[in-house]
C-alpha atoms as a PDB file:
ATOM      1  CA  MET A   1      -0.105   0.002  -0.044  1.00  0.00           C
ATOM      2  CA  ASN A   2       2.853   2.300   0.785  1.00  0.00           C
ATOM      3  CA  ILE A   3       4.283   1.859  -2.632  1.00  0.00           C
ATOM      4  CA  ILE A   4       0.977   2.626  -4.253  1.00  0.00           C
ATOM      5  CA  LEU A   5       0.619   5.738  -2.450  1.00  0.00           C
ATOM      6  CA  LEU A   6       4.086   7.077  -3.026  1.00  0.00           C
ATOM      7  CA  ALA A   7       3.551   6.419  -6.849  1.00  0.00           C
ATOM      8  CA  ILE A   8       0.396   8.234  -6.957  1.00  0.00           C
ATOM      9  CA  HIS A   9       1.904  11.141  -4.836  1.00  0.00           C
ATOM     10  CA  PHE A  10       4.539  11.715  -7.266  1.00  0.00           C
ATOM     11  CA  THR A  11       2.107  11.606 -10.292  1.00  0.00           C
ATOM     12  CA  PHE A  12      -0.230  14.043  -8.550  1.00  0.00           C
ATOM     13  CA  GLU A  13       2.581  16.518  -7.778  1.00  0.00           C
ATOM     14  CA  THR A  14       3.333  16.777 -11.438  1.00  0.00           C
ATOM     15  CA  LEU A  15      -0.229  16.652 -12.805  1.00  0.00           C
ATOM     16  CA  GLN A  16      -0.535  20.237 -13.866  1.00  0.00           C
ATOM     17  CA  ILE A  17       2.321  20.371 -16.246  1.00  0.00           C
ATOM     18  CA  ALA A  18       3.181  16.837 -17.187  1.00  0.00           C
ATOM     19  CA  HIS A  19       0.222  14.759 -17.739  1.00  0.00           C
ATOM     20  CA  PRO A  20      -1.953  15.763 -20.951  1.00  0.00           C
ATOM     21  CA  TYR A  21      -4.182  12.686 -20.380  1.00  0.00           C
ATOM     22  CA  PHE A  22      -5.693  14.150 -17.263  1.00  0.00           C
ATOM     23  CA  CYS A  23      -8.964  15.805 -18.004  1.00  0.00           C
ATOM     24  CA  LYS A  24     -11.210  18.214 -16.150  1.00  0.00           C
ATOM     25  CA  VAL A  25     -14.621  17.462 -14.452  1.00  0.00           C
ATOM     26  CA  ASP A  26     -17.205  18.025 -17.349  1.00  0.00           C
ATOM     27  CA  GLY A  27     -18.242  21.647 -17.671  1.00  0.00           C
ATOM     28  CA  PHE A  28     -15.608  23.289 -15.399  1.00  0.00           C
ATOM     29  CA  ASP A  29     -12.463  24.963 -16.868  1.00  0.00           C
ATOM     30  CA  HIS A  30     -10.463  24.331 -13.649  1.00  0.00           C
ATOM     31  CA  ILE A  31     -10.353  22.510 -10.373  1.00  0.00           C
ATOM     32  CA  TYR A  32      -8.989  24.026  -7.172  1.00  0.00           C
ATOM     33  CA  CYS A  33      -8.476  22.199  -3.892  1.00  0.00           C
ATOM     34  CA  ILE A  34      -7.792  24.330  -0.751  1.00  0.00           C
ATOM     35  CA  ASN A  35      -5.249  22.542   1.411  1.00  0.00           C
ATOM     36  CA  LEU A  36      -2.997  23.424   4.411  1.00  0.00           C
ATOM     37  CA  PRO A  37       0.590  22.400   3.573  1.00  0.00           C
ATOM     38  CA  SER A  38       0.650  20.571   6.848  1.00  0.00           C
ATOM     39  CA  ARG A  39      -2.088  18.174   5.831  1.00  0.00           C
ATOM     40  CA  SER A  40      -0.118  15.830   3.553  1.00  0.00           C
ATOM     41  CA  ASP A  41      -2.403  13.055   4.566  1.00  0.00           C
ATOM     42  CA  ARG A  42      -5.325  15.006   2.838  1.00  0.00           C
ATOM     43  CA  ARG A  43      -3.211  15.550  -0.227  1.00  0.00           C
ATOM     44  CA  GLU A  44      -2.673  11.900  -0.557  1.00  0.00           C
ATOM     45  CA  LYS A  45      -6.501  11.262  -0.511  1.00  0.00           C
ATOM     46  CA  ILE A  46      -6.928  14.017  -3.110  1.00  0.00           C
ATOM     47  CA  GLY A  47      -4.333  12.354  -5.148  1.00  0.00           C
ATOM     48  CA  LEU A  48      -6.081   9.135  -5.116  1.00  0.00           C
ATOM     49  CA  ILE A  49      -9.271  10.829  -6.193  1.00  0.00           C
ATOM     50  CA  ALA A  50      -7.541  12.716  -8.959  1.00  0.00           C
ATOM     51  CA  GLU A  51      -5.876   9.452 -10.323  1.00  0.00           C
ATOM     52  CA  TYR A  52      -8.992   7.367 -10.155  1.00  0.00           C
ATOM     53  CA  HIS A  53     -11.329  10.090 -11.871  1.00  0.00           C
ATOM     54  CA  ASN A  54      -8.533  11.270 -14.331  1.00  0.00           C
ATOM     55  CA  LEU A  55      -8.497  14.740 -13.085  1.00  0.00           C
ATOM     56  CA  ASP A  56      -6.207  17.704 -12.837  1.00  0.00           C
ATOM     57  CA  ILE A  57      -6.592  19.485  -9.532  1.00  0.00           C
ATOM     58  CA  GLU A  58      -4.556  22.460  -8.477  1.00  0.00           C
ATOM     59  CA  PHE A  59      -3.827  22.985  -4.742  1.00  0.00           C
ATOM     60  CA  VAL A  60      -4.381  26.300  -3.254  1.00  0.00           C
ATOM     61  CA  GLU A  61      -2.380  26.927  -0.002  1.00  0.00           C
ATOM     62  CA  ALA A  62      -4.823  27.527   2.707  1.00  0.00           C
ATOM     63  CA  ILE A  63      -4.465  30.382   5.039  1.00  0.00           C
ATOM     64  CA  ASN A  64      -3.332  29.133   8.434  1.00  0.00           C
ATOM     65  CA  LYS A  65      -5.548  30.311  11.456  1.00  0.00           C
ATOM     66  CA  ASP A  66      -2.364  31.273  13.174  1.00  0.00           C
ATOM     67  CA  ASP A  67      -1.164  33.561  10.440  1.00  0.00           C
ATOM     68  CA  ALA A  68      -2.277  36.842  12.014  1.00  0.00           C
ATOM     69  CA  LYS A  69      -0.238  38.815   9.562  1.00  0.00           C
ATOM     70  CA  THR A  70      -2.263  37.622   6.546  1.00  0.00           C
ATOM     71  CA  LEU A  71      -5.583  37.376   8.280  1.00  0.00           C
ATOM     72  CA  LYS A  72      -5.493  41.110   9.232  1.00  0.00           C
ATOM     73  CA  HIS A  73      -5.807  41.889   5.495  1.00  0.00           C
ATOM     74  CA  TYR A  74      -9.466  40.483   5.402  1.00  0.00           C
ATOM     75  CA  LEU A  75     -12.180  42.429   7.021  1.00  0.00           C
ATOM     76  CA  SER A  76     -13.833  40.115   9.440  1.00  0.00           C
ATOM     77  CA  ASP A  77     -14.427  39.754  13.114  1.00  0.00           C
ATOM     78  CA  LEU A  78     -14.639  35.948  12.898  1.00  0.00           C
ATOM     79  CA  ALA A  79     -12.676  33.665  15.112  1.00  0.00           C
ATOM     80  CA  PRO A  80      -9.267  32.683  13.627  1.00  0.00           C
ATOM     81  CA  PRO A  81     -10.312  29.284  12.334  1.00  0.00           C
ATOM     82  CA  HIS A  82     -13.414  30.563  10.489  1.00  0.00           C
ATOM     83  CA  LYS A  83     -11.609  33.554   9.264  1.00  0.00           C
ATOM     84  CA  ALA A  84      -8.921  31.625   7.807  1.00  0.00           C
ATOM     85  CA  CYS A  85     -11.339  29.406   5.904  1.00  0.00           C
ATOM     86  CA  TYR A  86     -13.230  32.485   4.656  1.00  0.00           C
ATOM     87  CA  ALA A  87      -9.927  33.974   3.493  1.00  0.00           C
ATOM     88  CA  SER A  88      -8.835  30.941   1.762  1.00  0.00           C
ATOM     89  CA  HIS A  89     -12.014  30.726  -0.275  1.00  0.00           C
ATOM     90  CA  TYR A  90     -11.757  34.450  -1.096  1.00  0.00           C
ATOM     91  CA  LYS A  91      -8.251  33.905  -2.259  1.00  0.00           C
ATOM     92  CA  THR A  92      -9.396  31.159  -4.709  1.00  0.00           C
ATOM     93  CA  TYR A  93     -12.058  33.441  -6.182  1.00  0.00           C
ATOM     94  CA  GLU A  94      -9.222  35.762  -6.891  1.00  0.00           C
ATOM     95  CA  LEU A  95      -7.273  33.057  -8.823  1.00  0.00           C
ATOM     96  CA  VAL A  96     -10.361  32.276 -10.700  1.00  0.00           C
ATOM     97  CA  VAL A  97     -10.777  35.898 -11.819  1.00  0.00           C
ATOM     98  CA  SER A  98      -6.912  36.561 -12.482  1.00  0.00           C
ATOM     99  CA  ASN A  99      -6.775  33.361 -14.622  1.00  0.00           C
ATOM    100  CA  ASN A 100     -10.041  34.442 -16.388  1.00  0.00           C
ATOM    101  CA  TYR A 101     -11.529  30.913 -15.891  1.00  0.00           C
ATOM    102  CA  GLU A 102     -15.259  30.905 -17.250  1.00  0.00           C
ATOM    103  CA  SER A 103     -15.958  28.520 -14.333  1.00  0.00           C
ATOM    104  CA  ALA A 104     -13.999  26.609 -11.661  1.00  0.00           C
ATOM    105  CA  LEU A 105     -14.947  23.821  -9.171  1.00  0.00           C
ATOM    106  CA  ILE A 106     -13.593  24.708  -5.564  1.00  0.00           C
ATOM    107  CA  LEU A 107     -12.802  21.863  -3.104  1.00  0.00           C
ATOM    108  CA  GLU A 108     -11.934  21.645   0.357  1.00  0.00           C
ATOM    109  CA  ASP A 109      -9.435  18.922   1.039  1.00  0.00           C
ATOM    110  CA  ASP A 110     -11.576  16.627   3.220  1.00  0.00           C
ATOM    111  CA  VAL A 111     -13.821  15.465   0.318  1.00  0.00           C
ATOM    112  CA  ASP A 112     -14.822  12.124  -1.297  1.00  0.00           C
ATOM    113  CA  PHE A 113     -16.331  11.760  -4.652  1.00  0.00           C
ATOM    114  CA  GLU A 114     -19.024   9.510  -6.077  1.00  0.00           C
ATOM    115  CA  VAL A 115     -17.541   6.768  -8.007  1.00  0.00           C
ATOM    116  CA  ASN A 116     -19.758   7.782 -11.071  1.00  0.00           C
ATOM    117  CA  ILE A 117     -19.497  11.526 -10.666  1.00  0.00           C
ATOM    118  CA  LYS A 118     -18.815  12.246 -14.333  1.00  0.00           C
ATOM    119  CA  ASP A 119     -21.943  10.199 -15.322  1.00  0.00           C
ATOM    120  CA  PHE A 120     -23.995  12.297 -12.750  1.00  0.00           C
ATOM    121  CA  LEU A 121     -22.649  15.451 -14.154  1.00  0.00           C
ATOM    122  CA  ASN A 122     -23.370  14.605 -17.746  1.00  0.00           C
ATOM    123  CA  GLU A 123     -26.828  13.734 -16.641  1.00  0.00           C
ATOM    124  CA  THR A 124     -27.489  17.226 -15.310  1.00  0.00           C
ATOM    125  CA  ARG A 125     -25.199  19.685 -16.997  1.00  0.00           C
ATOM    126  CA  LEU A 126     -27.326  20.449 -19.944  1.00  0.00           C
ATOM    127  CA  PHE A 127     -30.003  21.694 -17.483  1.00  0.00           C
ATOM    128  CA  LEU A 128     -27.810  24.331 -15.833  1.00  0.00           C
ATOM    129  CA  PRO A 129     -29.034  27.734 -16.646  1.00  0.00           C
ATOM    130  CA  ASN A 130     -26.625  29.856 -18.635  1.00  0.00           C
ATOM    131  CA  ASP A 131     -26.520  32.656 -15.993  1.00  0.00           C
ATOM    132  CA  TRP A 132     -25.616  30.385 -13.032  1.00  0.00           C
ATOM    133  CA  GLU A 133     -23.027  31.879 -10.678  1.00  0.00           C
ATOM    134  CA  MET A 134     -22.650  29.230  -8.085  1.00  0.00           C
ATOM    135  CA  PHE A 135     -23.412  25.476  -8.284  1.00  0.00           C
ATOM    136  CA  TYR A 136     -23.115  23.131  -5.308  1.00  0.00           C
ATOM    137  CA  LEU A 137     -22.047  19.554  -5.965  1.00  0.00           C
ATOM    138  CA  GLY A 138     -22.286  18.648  -2.360  1.00  0.00           C
ATOM    139  CA  ASN A 139     -23.393  20.195   0.805  1.00  0.00           C
ATOM    140  CA  CYS A 140     -24.570  19.245   4.409  1.00  0.00           C
ATOM    141  CA  ALA A 141     -28.249  20.071   4.007  1.00  0.00           C
ATOM    142  CA  TRP A 142     -31.310  18.632   2.335  1.00  0.00           C
ATOM    143  CA  ASP A 143     -31.146  21.362  -0.103  1.00  0.00           C
ATOM    144  CA  THR A 144     -33.834  21.387  -2.715  1.00  0.00           C
ATOM    145  CA  SER A 145     -36.205  24.304  -3.563  1.00  0.00           C
ATOM    146  CA  ASP A 146     -39.378  24.590  -5.485  1.00  0.00           C
ATOM    147  CA  ILE A 147     -37.531  26.011  -8.368  1.00  0.00           C
ATOM    148  CA  ILE A 148     -36.165  22.734 -10.072  1.00  0.00           C
ATOM    149  CA  TYR A 149     -34.298  22.753 -13.356  1.00  0.00           C
ATOM    150  CA  TYR A 150     -33.936  18.903 -13.550  1.00  0.00           C
ATOM    151  CA  ASN A 151     -35.927  16.156 -11.913  1.00  0.00           C
ATOM    152  CA  GLY A 152     -34.239  12.848 -12.271  1.00  0.00           C
ATOM    153  CA  ALA A 153     -37.435  10.995 -11.370  1.00  0.00           C
ATOM    154  CA  ASP A 154     -38.559  11.776 -15.011  1.00  0.00           C
ATOM    155  CA  TYR A 155     -35.626   9.825 -16.333  1.00  0.00           C
ATOM    156  CA  GLY A 156     -35.196   7.039 -13.849  1.00  0.00           C
ATOM    157  CA  SER A 157     -32.721   8.832 -11.580  1.00  0.00           C
ATOM    158  CA  ASP A 158     -32.836  10.280  -8.183  1.00  0.00           C
ATOM    159  CA  LEU A 159     -31.005  13.429  -8.881  1.00  0.00           C
ATOM    160  CA  ILE A 160     -32.396  16.795  -8.598  1.00  0.00           C
ATOM    161  CA  LEU A 161     -30.996  20.152  -9.754  1.00  0.00           C
ATOM    162  CA  SER A 162     -32.790  23.180  -8.145  1.00  0.00           C
ATOM    163  CA  LYS A 163     -32.190  26.599  -7.121  1.00  0.00           C
ATOM    164  CA  SER A 164     -30.177  26.647  -3.885  1.00  0.00           C
ATOM    165  CA  LEU A 165     -31.957  27.119  -0.705  1.00  0.00           C
ATOM    166  CA  ARG A 166     -29.668  26.718   2.253  1.00  0.00           C
ATOM    167  CA  PRO A 167     -26.656  24.634   1.028  1.00  0.00           C
ATOM    168  CA  ALA A 168     -24.710  24.333   4.317  1.00  0.00           C
ATOM    169  CA  CYS A 169     -20.867  23.706   4.170  1.00  0.00           C
ATOM    170  CA  SER A 170     -18.471  24.895   1.543  1.00  0.00           C
ATOM    171  CA  HIS A 171     -16.645  21.733   0.641  1.00  0.00           C
ATOM    172  CA  ALA A 172     -17.635  21.410  -3.087  1.00  0.00           C
ATOM    173  CA  TYR A 173     -19.095  24.177  -5.211  1.00  0.00           C
ATOM    174  CA  ALA A 174     -18.272  25.697  -8.600  1.00  0.00           C
ATOM    175  CA  VAL A 175     -18.262  29.375  -9.389  1.00  0.00           C
ATOM    176  CA  SER A 176     -18.657  31.088 -12.726  1.00  0.00           C
ATOM    177  CA  LEU A 177     -16.437  33.820 -13.616  1.00  0.00           C
ATOM    178  CA  ARG A 178     -19.230  36.296 -13.242  1.00  0.00           C
ATOM    179  CA  GLY A 179     -19.936  34.532  -9.842  1.00  0.00           C
ATOM    180  CA  ALA A 180     -16.479  34.904  -8.691  1.00  0.00           C
ATOM    181  CA  LYS A 181     -16.213  38.547  -9.598  1.00  0.00           C
ATOM    182  CA  LYS A 182     -19.378  39.168  -7.689  1.00  0.00           C
ATOM    183  CA  LEU A 183     -18.151  37.356  -4.551  1.00  0.00           C
ATOM    184  CA  LEU A 184     -15.025  39.344  -4.415  1.00  0.00           C
ATOM    185  CA  GLU A 185     -17.112  42.463  -4.432  1.00  0.00           C
ATOM    186  CA  ILE A 186     -19.831  41.517  -1.956  1.00  0.00           C
ATOM    187  CA  LEU A 187     -18.368  38.831   0.278  1.00  0.00           C
ATOM    188  CA  VAL A 188     -16.360  41.369   2.406  1.00  0.00           C
ATOM    189  CA  ASN A 189     -16.605  42.082   6.082  1.00  0.00           C
ATOM    190  CA  VAL A 190     -18.319  38.900   6.794  1.00  0.00           C
ATOM    191  CA  SER A 191     -19.601  38.263  10.407  1.00  0.00           C
ATOM    192  CA  GLU A 192     -20.513  34.597   9.861  1.00  0.00           C
ATOM    193  CA  PRO A 193     -18.645  31.469   8.715  1.00  0.00           C
ATOM    194  CA  VAL A 194     -18.164  31.528   4.881  1.00  0.00           C
ATOM    195  CA  ASP A 195     -20.860  28.969   4.179  1.00  0.00           C
ATOM    196  CA  VAL A 196     -23.418  30.794   6.156  1.00  0.00           C
ATOM    197  CA  ALA A 197     -22.481  34.208   4.511  1.00  0.00           C
ATOM    198  CA  LEU A 198     -22.906  32.558   1.191  1.00  0.00           C
ATOM    199  CA  ILE A 199     -26.463  31.420   2.071  1.00  0.00           C
ATOM    200  CA  ASP A 200     -27.223  34.906   3.103  1.00  0.00           C
ATOM    201  CA  LEU A 201     -26.322  36.179  -0.216  1.00  0.00           C
ATOM    202  CA  MET A 202     -28.583  33.546  -1.791  1.00  0.00           C
ATOM    203  CA  LEU A 203     -31.550  34.246   0.305  1.00  0.00           C
ATOM    204  CA  ALA A 204     -31.115  37.972  -0.410  1.00  0.00           C
ATOM    205  CA  ASP A 205     -31.000  37.126  -4.195  1.00  0.00           C
ATOM    206  CA  LYS A 206     -27.412  38.650  -4.541  1.00  0.00           C
ATOM    207  CA  ILE A 207     -26.114  35.509  -6.231  1.00  0.00           C
ATOM    208  CA  PHE A 208     -27.624  32.963  -8.316  1.00  0.00           C
ATOM    209  CA  SER A 209     -26.822  29.466  -6.979  1.00  0.00           C
ATOM    210  CA  LEU A 210     -27.953  25.936  -7.774  1.00  0.00           C
ATOM    211  CA  SER A 211     -27.560  22.753  -5.872  1.00  0.00           C
ATOM    212  CA  LEU A 212     -27.325  19.077  -6.807  1.00  0.00           C
ATOM    213  CA  PHE A 213     -29.094  16.663  -4.528  1.00  0.00           C
ATOM    214  CA  PRO A 214     -28.267  14.043  -3.389  1.00  0.00           C
ATOM    215  CA  SER A 215     -24.714  15.273  -3.020  1.00  0.00           C
ATOM    216  CA  ILE A 216     -22.107  13.705  -5.392  1.00  0.00           C
ATOM    217  CA  ILE A 217     -19.237  15.071  -3.598  1.00  0.00           C
ATOM    218  CA  ASN A 218     -19.183  14.926   0.155  1.00  0.00           C
ATOM    219  CA  GLN A 219     -17.067  15.547   3.329  1.00  0.00           C
ATOM    220  CA  TRP A 220     -14.867  12.599   4.452  1.00  0.00           C
ATOM    221  CA  LYS A 221     -14.480  12.619   8.273  1.00  0.00           C
ATOM    222  CA  SER A 222     -13.135   9.905  10.400  1.00  0.00           C
ATOM    223  CA  LYS A 223     -11.897   9.601  14.088  1.00  0.00           C
ATOM    224  CA  ASP A 224      -8.306   9.882  12.578  1.00  0.00           C
ATOM    225  CA  ASP A 225      -9.116  12.799  10.243  1.00  0.00           C
ATOM    226  CA  PRO A 226     -11.488  15.222  11.971  1.00  0.00           C
ATOM    227  CA  SER A 227     -12.430  18.677  10.656  1.00  0.00           C
ATOM    228  CA  ASP A 228      -9.661  21.334  11.074  1.00  0.00           C
ATOM    229  CA  ILE A 229     -12.345  23.872  11.823  1.00  0.00           C
ATOM    230  CA  SER A 230     -14.704  21.964  13.896  1.00  0.00           C
ATOM    231  CA  PRO A 231     -12.802  18.926  15.277  1.00  0.00           C
ATOM    232  CA  GLY A 232     -15.745  17.407  17.110  1.00  0.00           C
ATOM    233  CA  SER A 233     -17.923  16.982  13.902  1.00  0.00           C
ATOM    234  CA  GLN A 234     -16.443  13.788  12.427  1.00  0.00           C
ATOM    235  CA  ASP A 235     -19.580  11.692  12.995  1.00  0.00           C
ATOM    236  CA  GLU A 236     -21.761  13.644  10.331  1.00  0.00           C
ATOM    237  CA  PRO A 237     -23.328  11.375   7.947  1.00  0.00           C
ATOM    238  CA  HIS A 238     -21.534  10.374   4.776  1.00  0.00           C
ATOM    239  CA  ASN A 239     -24.105   9.547   2.446  1.00  0.00           C
ATOM    240  CA  LEU A 240     -22.421   8.894  -0.955  1.00  0.00           C
ATOM    241  CA  LYS A 241     -23.867   5.788  -2.613  1.00  0.00           C
ATOM    242  CA  ASN A 242     -20.278   4.556  -3.833  1.00  0.00           C
ATOM    243  CA  SER A 243     -17.480   6.183  -2.215  1.00  0.00           C
ATOM    244  CA  THR A 244     -14.053   6.569  -4.121  1.00  0.00           C
ATOM    245  CA  LEU A 245     -12.117   6.554  -1.008  1.00  0.00           C
ATOM    246  CA  GLU A 246     -13.700   3.446   0.273  1.00  0.00           C
ATOM    247  CA  LEU A 247     -12.416   1.671  -2.968  1.00  0.00           C
ATOM    248  CA  PHE A 248      -8.865   2.320  -1.737  1.00  0.00           C
ATOM    249  CA  GLY A 249      -9.580   0.900   1.782  1.00  0.00           C
ATOM    250  CA  TYR A 250     -10.274   3.868   3.849  1.00  0.00           C
ATOM    251  CA  LYS A 251     -12.510   3.420   6.775  1.00  0.00           C
ATOM    252  CA  ARG A 252     -14.726   5.877   8.612  1.00  0.00           C
END
C-alpha cells in the first residue's frame, strides 16, 4: 500500500504540467483544492481521487488560522479558524478571476467523490441555466427548493437540480467567472462562517446558485481525520452511494 501511495503522490505532484491525459470534470475550466501544507495526509487522498477520476486538480495553499499577519488583511471579526477558512475561499475566487476561467470547481481537502461522478454531471449539466453563478455539487443539508431545473425522477434517476435554498458547508461548489467577480465584491466584512455568509447572499438574491441533490461530493470525516475547523464533527453522515475513498480501503 505504501508503494502505491508514493507512486500516486509523485504523479499528482506533477499533474498540472506533465500529464496531458488528465482531464477536467465536465463543464468546468479548472479545479482548485484548498489545502494546508501541513495536511499531506489529505493531499494523498485527493491524489487518489484525482488519479481514479482522471482529473487535474490544483492545490491552493490555505491560510493558516495562526497567520495573523495575513488574516489582518481580511475584514472580518470571525474567530481565527473561521476567518482563515473564509480568507482561503476568497483567495481562490481571486485566482479564478486572475486566470479568467469561465468556471471553476472549488474543493476543500476533506472530500470524497461518488465513483460515477462524471456520469451524474453529464446527466444534469445540460439543464444548468446559462446565467448560473454558483453550483453546489455537495453540501450538508437537504437542499432542494421549489424551483427545479432537472428532476431525475422523470428519467429514472434520483438526482434533482434546483435553485439553492440553504446549502450548508463549503466543501464542493463551482463558481462562474461572473460569480467569482461578484463574490469578490460583496463577500467582504463577513460576520458569519463563509458557508453561512454565502447562504445569506442567496436568500437575498444577490447571487444565483444551484444545488445538486443528493450530493455527489461529500465531506470525509473519520476519527483519525476530523475537521480542521470543527474537530468534534467527525460523525456527520457520509451519504455517498459509492465512495471513491472506500475503494482504496479507507474506513470511517
